[in-house]
Amino acid sequence: MSSHDHQSATTVAQKPDTKAIWFTFWILLGVTAVEFLIAFTSDSKPFRIITFILLTFVKAYFIVANFMHLRHEVKTLIWSVVVPIAFIAWLVAALIFEGGSILGSHPIK
C-alpha cells in the first residue's frame, strides 16, 4: 500500500460549519443595517463618526475570526496580528489629529 493510498484511507472529510457562517452573516447584516439607520437618521456628526468606527471594529472582528479562521488559532498568533494593527490605527489617528493642528484646522470638530 503506497503512502498516498494510506493517507486517503485515513482522511475524513470535515463537514462545513454552516451554522457559524450563518450566525456571522446575520451579525454582519444587523451591524450594517444599524450603520445605515444611523447614517440616514442621525444629525450629530461626532456621534456618527464614533459609531461607525466602533461598528467597523465589530465587523472586522467577525470577518477575521470566522472567515480568516483566526478564532481557532493560538493566543500568541492572535496577539501578533492584533498588536501591530492597534499600533497602526493609533498612528493613523495621531497623524490625522496632529496634521490638523499643524495646518490650523482640525478634521474632527
N, C-alpha and C. Protein backbone atom coordinates (compact mmCIF):
# COMPACT_ATOMS: atom_id res chain seq x y z
N MET A 1 0.85 -1.18 0.00
CA MET A 1 0.00 0.00 0.00
C MET A 1 0.89 1.23 0.00
N SER A 2 0.72 2.11 -0.95
CA SER A 2 1.56 3.30 -1.03
C SER A 2 1.11 4.32 0.02
N SER A 3 1.97 5.33 0.22
CA SER A 3 1.64 6.35 1.23
C SER A 3 0.40 7.15 0.81
N HIS A 4 0.22 7.31 -0.49
CA HIS A 4 -0.95 8.06 -0.97
C HIS A 4 -2.24 7.31 -0.62
N ASP A 5 -2.24 6.00 -0.83
CA ASP A 5 -3.42 5.20 -0.52
C ASP A 5 -3.70 5.21 0.97
N HIS A 6 -2.64 5.20 1.76
CA HIS A 6 -2.81 5.19 3.21
C HIS A 6 -3.40 6.51 3.70
N GLN A 7 -2.96 7.63 3.11
CA GLN A 7 -3.48 8.93 3.52
C GLN A 7 -4.95 9.08 3.13
N SER A 8 -5.29 8.64 1.96
CA SER A 8 -6.68 8.81 1.53
C SER A 8 -7.62 7.91 2.31
N ALA A 9 -7.12 6.79 2.79
CA ALA A 9 -7.96 5.89 3.56
C ALA A 9 -8.22 6.42 4.96
N THR A 10 -7.29 7.19 5.52
CA THR A 10 -7.46 7.68 6.88
C THR A 10 -8.00 9.11 6.95
N THR A 11 -8.04 9.80 5.82
CA THR A 11 -8.52 11.17 5.81
C THR A 11 -10.05 11.17 5.81
N VAL A 12 -10.61 11.94 6.74
CA VAL A 12 -12.06 12.06 6.82
C VAL A 12 -12.43 13.48 6.45
N ALA A 13 -13.35 13.61 5.53
CA ALA A 13 -13.79 14.94 5.12
C ALA A 13 -14.58 15.58 6.25
N GLN A 14 -14.21 16.83 6.58
CA GLN A 14 -14.92 17.54 7.62
C GLN A 14 -16.16 18.20 7.06
N LYS A 15 -17.20 18.16 7.84
CA LYS A 15 -18.45 18.80 7.45
C LYS A 15 -18.32 20.31 7.69
N PRO A 16 -18.67 21.14 6.74
CA PRO A 16 -18.55 22.59 6.93
C PRO A 16 -19.48 23.07 8.05
N ASP A 17 -19.00 24.06 8.78
CA ASP A 17 -19.76 24.59 9.90
C ASP A 17 -20.66 25.72 9.41
N THR A 18 -21.74 25.36 8.76
CA THR A 18 -22.63 26.36 8.18
C THR A 18 -23.37 27.16 9.24
N LYS A 19 -23.56 26.59 10.40
CA LYS A 19 -24.26 27.31 11.47
C LYS A 19 -23.47 28.56 11.88
N ALA A 20 -22.16 28.42 12.03
CA ALA A 20 -21.31 29.56 12.39
C ALA A 20 -21.26 30.59 11.26
N ILE A 21 -21.26 30.12 10.03
CA ILE A 21 -21.22 31.03 8.89
C ILE A 21 -22.52 31.85 8.83
N TRP A 22 -23.65 31.19 9.01
CA TRP A 22 -24.92 31.92 9.00
C TRP A 22 -25.03 32.87 10.19
N PHE A 23 -24.53 32.47 11.35
CA PHE A 23 -24.53 33.36 12.52
C PHE A 23 -23.73 34.62 12.22
N THR A 24 -22.56 34.45 11.62
CA THR A 24 -21.73 35.59 11.25
C THR A 24 -22.43 36.45 10.21
N PHE A 25 -23.08 35.82 9.25
CA PHE A 25 -23.82 36.57 8.24
C PHE A 25 -24.89 37.45 8.87
N TRP A 26 -25.67 36.90 9.80
CA TRP A 26 -26.74 37.67 10.42
C TRP A 26 -26.20 38.79 11.29
N ILE A 27 -25.09 38.54 11.98
CA ILE A 27 -24.46 39.60 12.79
C ILE A 27 -24.00 40.74 11.87
N LEU A 28 -23.30 40.40 10.80
CA LEU A 28 -22.81 41.42 9.87
C LEU A 28 -23.97 42.17 9.20
N LEU A 29 -25.03 41.47 8.87
CA LEU A 29 -26.20 42.12 8.28
C LEU A 29 -26.84 43.08 9.28
N GLY A 30 -26.94 42.67 10.54
CA GLY A 30 -27.51 43.53 11.57
C GLY A 30 -26.67 44.77 11.81
N VAL A 31 -25.36 44.60 11.88
CA VAL A 31 -24.47 45.75 12.10
C VAL A 31 -24.55 46.70 10.92
N THR A 32 -24.60 46.18 9.71
CA THR A 32 -24.71 47.02 8.52
C THR A 32 -26.04 47.76 8.51
N ALA A 33 -27.11 47.10 8.92
CA ALA A 33 -28.42 47.76 8.99
C ALA A 33 -28.39 48.89 10.01
N VAL A 34 -27.74 48.68 11.15
CA VAL A 34 -27.62 49.74 12.16
C VAL A 34 -26.81 50.91 11.59
N GLU A 35 -25.75 50.61 10.84
CA GLU A 35 -24.95 51.67 10.22
C GLU A 35 -25.80 52.51 9.26
N PHE A 36 -26.59 51.85 8.42
CA PHE A 36 -27.46 52.58 7.50
C PHE A 36 -28.49 53.40 8.26
N LEU A 37 -29.06 52.85 9.30
CA LEU A 37 -30.04 53.58 10.09
C LEU A 37 -29.43 54.84 10.70
N ILE A 38 -28.25 54.71 11.25
CA ILE A 38 -27.58 55.86 11.86
C ILE A 38 -27.17 56.87 10.79
N ALA A 39 -26.73 56.40 9.65
CA ALA A 39 -26.28 57.30 8.58
C ALA A 39 -27.41 58.19 8.09
N PHE A 40 -28.61 57.65 8.04
CA PHE A 40 -29.72 58.41 7.47
C PHE A 40 -30.61 59.09 8.51
N THR A 41 -30.40 58.81 9.80
CA THR A 41 -31.28 59.42 10.80
C THR A 41 -30.55 60.34 11.77
N SER A 42 -29.27 60.16 11.97
CA SER A 42 -28.54 60.95 12.96
C SER A 42 -28.04 62.25 12.36
N ASP A 43 -28.22 63.33 13.12
CA ASP A 43 -27.72 64.63 12.69
C ASP A 43 -26.39 64.98 13.33
N SER A 44 -26.00 64.23 14.33
CA SER A 44 -24.77 64.51 15.07
C SER A 44 -23.57 63.87 14.37
N LYS A 45 -22.71 64.70 13.79
CA LYS A 45 -21.55 64.17 13.06
C LYS A 45 -20.57 63.43 13.97
N PRO A 46 -20.20 63.94 15.15
CA PRO A 46 -19.28 63.17 16.01
C PRO A 46 -19.85 61.83 16.45
N PHE A 47 -21.15 61.79 16.72
CA PHE A 47 -21.80 60.53 17.09
C PHE A 47 -21.71 59.52 15.95
N ARG A 48 -21.97 59.98 14.72
CA ARG A 48 -21.89 59.09 13.56
C ARG A 48 -20.49 58.57 13.35
N ILE A 49 -19.50 59.44 13.47
CA ILE A 49 -18.11 59.03 13.25
C ILE A 49 -17.69 57.99 14.27
N ILE A 50 -17.95 58.25 15.54
CA ILE A 50 -17.56 57.31 16.60
C ILE A 50 -18.31 56.00 16.45
N THR A 51 -19.59 56.07 16.14
CA THR A 51 -20.38 54.85 15.97
C THR A 51 -19.89 54.03 14.79
N PHE A 52 -19.60 54.69 13.67
CA PHE A 52 -19.10 53.96 12.50
C PHE A 52 -17.76 53.30 12.78
N ILE A 53 -16.90 53.96 13.50
CA ILE A 53 -15.60 53.38 13.83
C ILE A 53 -15.79 52.15 14.72
N LEU A 54 -16.62 52.26 15.74
CA LEU A 54 -16.85 51.12 16.64
C LEU A 54 -17.51 49.95 15.90
N LEU A 55 -18.51 50.24 15.08
CA LEU A 55 -19.17 49.17 14.35
C LEU A 55 -18.25 48.54 13.29
N THR A 56 -17.32 49.32 12.77
CA THR A 56 -16.33 48.77 11.85
C THR A 56 -15.43 47.77 12.55
N PHE A 57 -15.05 48.08 13.79
CA PHE A 57 -14.26 47.13 14.57
C PHE A 57 -15.04 45.84 14.84
N VAL A 58 -16.33 45.96 15.11
CA VAL A 58 -17.16 44.77 15.34
C VAL A 58 -17.21 43.92 14.08
N LYS A 59 -17.44 44.56 12.94
CA LYS A 59 -17.49 43.82 11.68
C LYS A 59 -16.13 43.19 11.35
N ALA A 60 -15.06 43.93 11.57
CA ALA A 60 -13.73 43.39 11.30
C ALA A 60 -13.44 42.18 12.18
N TYR A 61 -13.86 42.23 13.44
CA TYR A 61 -13.64 41.09 14.34
C TYR A 61 -14.33 39.84 13.80
N PHE A 62 -15.59 39.97 13.43
CA PHE A 62 -16.33 38.79 12.96
C PHE A 62 -15.77 38.26 11.65
N ILE A 63 -15.35 39.14 10.76
CA ILE A 63 -14.78 38.69 9.49
C ILE A 63 -13.46 37.97 9.71
N VAL A 64 -12.59 38.57 10.50
CA VAL A 64 -11.28 37.96 10.74
C VAL A 64 -11.41 36.67 11.55
N ALA A 65 -12.26 36.67 12.55
CA ALA A 65 -12.40 35.50 13.41
C ALA A 65 -13.00 34.31 12.67
N ASN A 66 -13.99 34.55 11.84
CA ASN A 66 -14.69 33.43 11.21
C ASN A 66 -14.20 33.09 9.82
N PHE A 67 -14.06 34.08 8.96
CA PHE A 67 -13.70 33.77 7.58
C PHE A 67 -12.20 33.62 7.38
N MET A 68 -11.41 34.23 8.25
CA MET A 68 -9.95 34.04 8.18
C MET A 68 -9.48 33.02 9.21
N HIS A 69 -10.41 32.43 9.94
CA HIS A 69 -10.17 31.33 10.89
C HIS A 69 -9.19 31.70 12.01
N LEU A 70 -9.15 32.96 12.39
CA LEU A 70 -8.23 33.37 13.44
C LEU A 70 -8.76 33.00 14.82
N ARG A 71 -10.06 32.78 14.94
CA ARG A 71 -10.65 32.43 16.23
C ARG A 71 -10.09 31.13 16.79
N HIS A 72 -9.71 30.22 15.93
CA HIS A 72 -9.27 28.90 16.36
C HIS A 72 -7.75 28.77 16.48
N GLU A 73 -7.05 29.88 16.36
CA GLU A 73 -5.59 29.85 16.46
C GLU A 73 -5.15 30.04 17.91
N VAL A 74 -3.85 29.83 18.14
CA VAL A 74 -3.30 30.02 19.48
C VAL A 74 -3.27 31.51 19.80
N LYS A 75 -3.30 31.83 21.08
CA LYS A 75 -3.39 33.23 21.51
C LYS A 75 -2.20 34.07 21.07
N THR A 76 -1.01 33.49 21.03
CA THR A 76 0.16 34.28 20.62
C THR A 76 0.06 34.72 19.16
N LEU A 77 -0.50 33.89 18.31
CA LEU A 77 -0.69 34.29 16.91
C LEU A 77 -1.73 35.40 16.81
N ILE A 78 -2.79 35.27 17.58
CA ILE A 78 -3.82 36.31 17.58
C ILE A 78 -3.24 37.64 18.02
N TRP A 79 -2.46 37.63 19.11
CA TRP A 79 -1.86 38.88 19.60
C TRP A 79 -0.81 39.42 18.64
N SER A 80 -0.12 38.54 17.92
CA SER A 80 0.87 39.02 16.95
C SER A 80 0.20 39.69 15.75
N VAL A 81 -1.07 39.45 15.54
CA VAL A 81 -1.82 40.13 14.49
C VAL A 81 -2.48 41.39 15.04
N VAL A 82 -3.04 41.32 16.24
CA VAL A 82 -3.83 42.43 16.80
C VAL A 82 -2.95 43.60 17.22
N VAL A 83 -1.82 43.34 17.87
CA VAL A 83 -0.99 44.42 18.39
C VAL A 83 -0.45 45.33 17.28
N PRO A 84 0.13 44.81 16.21
CA PRO A 84 0.58 45.72 15.15
C PRO A 84 -0.57 46.52 14.52
N ILE A 85 -1.73 45.90 14.37
CA ILE A 85 -2.87 46.62 13.81
C ILE A 85 -3.29 47.74 14.75
N ALA A 86 -3.26 47.50 16.06
CA ALA A 86 -3.61 48.54 17.03
C ALA A 86 -2.63 49.70 16.95
N PHE A 87 -1.35 49.40 16.81
CA PHE A 87 -0.36 50.47 16.67
C PHE A 87 -0.54 51.25 15.37
N ILE A 88 -0.89 50.58 14.31
CA ILE A 88 -1.13 51.27 13.04
C ILE A 88 -2.36 52.17 13.15
N ALA A 89 -3.42 51.68 13.80
CA ALA A 89 -4.62 52.51 13.99
C ALA A 89 -4.28 53.73 14.85
N TRP A 90 -3.48 53.54 15.89
CA TRP A 90 -3.06 54.67 16.73
C TRP A 90 -2.23 55.66 15.91
N LEU A 91 -1.33 55.16 15.07
CA LEU A 91 -0.51 56.02 14.24
C LEU A 91 -1.37 56.85 13.28
N VAL A 92 -2.33 56.22 12.64
CA VAL A 92 -3.20 56.94 11.71
C VAL A 92 -4.00 58.01 12.45
N ALA A 93 -4.55 57.66 13.63
CA ALA A 93 -5.30 58.64 14.41
C ALA A 93 -4.41 59.80 14.84
N ALA A 94 -3.20 59.50 15.27
CA ALA A 94 -2.28 60.55 15.70
C ALA A 94 -1.89 61.45 14.52
N LEU A 95 -1.66 60.86 13.36
CA LEU A 95 -1.32 61.66 12.19
C LEU A 95 -2.47 62.57 11.76
N ILE A 96 -3.68 62.05 11.82
CA ILE A 96 -4.84 62.87 11.46
C ILE A 96 -4.99 64.02 12.45
N PHE A 97 -4.89 63.73 13.74
CA PHE A 97 -5.07 64.76 14.75
C PHE A 97 -3.96 65.80 14.69
N GLU A 98 -2.72 65.35 14.64
CA GLU A 98 -1.59 66.27 14.61
C GLU A 98 -1.51 67.02 13.29
N GLY A 99 -1.84 66.37 12.20
CA GLY A 99 -1.83 67.05 10.91
C GLY A 99 -2.82 68.19 10.88
N GLY A 100 -3.95 68.00 11.52
CA GLY A 100 -4.94 69.06 11.60
C GLY A 100 -4.48 70.23 12.44
N SER A 101 -3.73 69.97 13.51
CA SER A 101 -3.27 71.06 14.36
C SER A 101 -2.14 71.83 13.70
N ILE A 102 -1.33 71.18 12.91
CA ILE A 102 -0.24 71.87 12.22
C ILE A 102 -0.80 72.76 11.12
N LEU A 103 -1.78 72.28 10.41
CA LEU A 103 -2.38 73.07 9.33
C LEU A 103 -3.36 74.12 9.83
N GLY A 104 -3.71 74.06 11.09
CA GLY A 104 -4.59 75.07 11.68
C GLY A 104 -6.06 74.71 11.64
N SER A 105 -6.42 73.56 11.11
CA SER A 105 -7.82 73.16 11.10
C SER A 105 -7.91 71.70 11.51
N HIS A 106 -8.68 71.44 12.54
CA HIS A 106 -8.86 70.06 13.00
C HIS A 106 -9.90 69.36 12.13
N PRO A 107 -9.62 68.12 11.72
CA PRO A 107 -10.59 67.42 10.87
C PRO A 107 -11.83 67.00 11.64
N ILE A 108 -11.71 66.83 12.95
CA ILE A 108 -12.85 66.41 13.77
C ILE A 108 -13.26 67.59 14.65
N LYS A 109 -14.47 68.07 14.42
CA LYS A 109 -14.97 69.20 15.21
C LYS A 109 -16.24 68.81 15.90
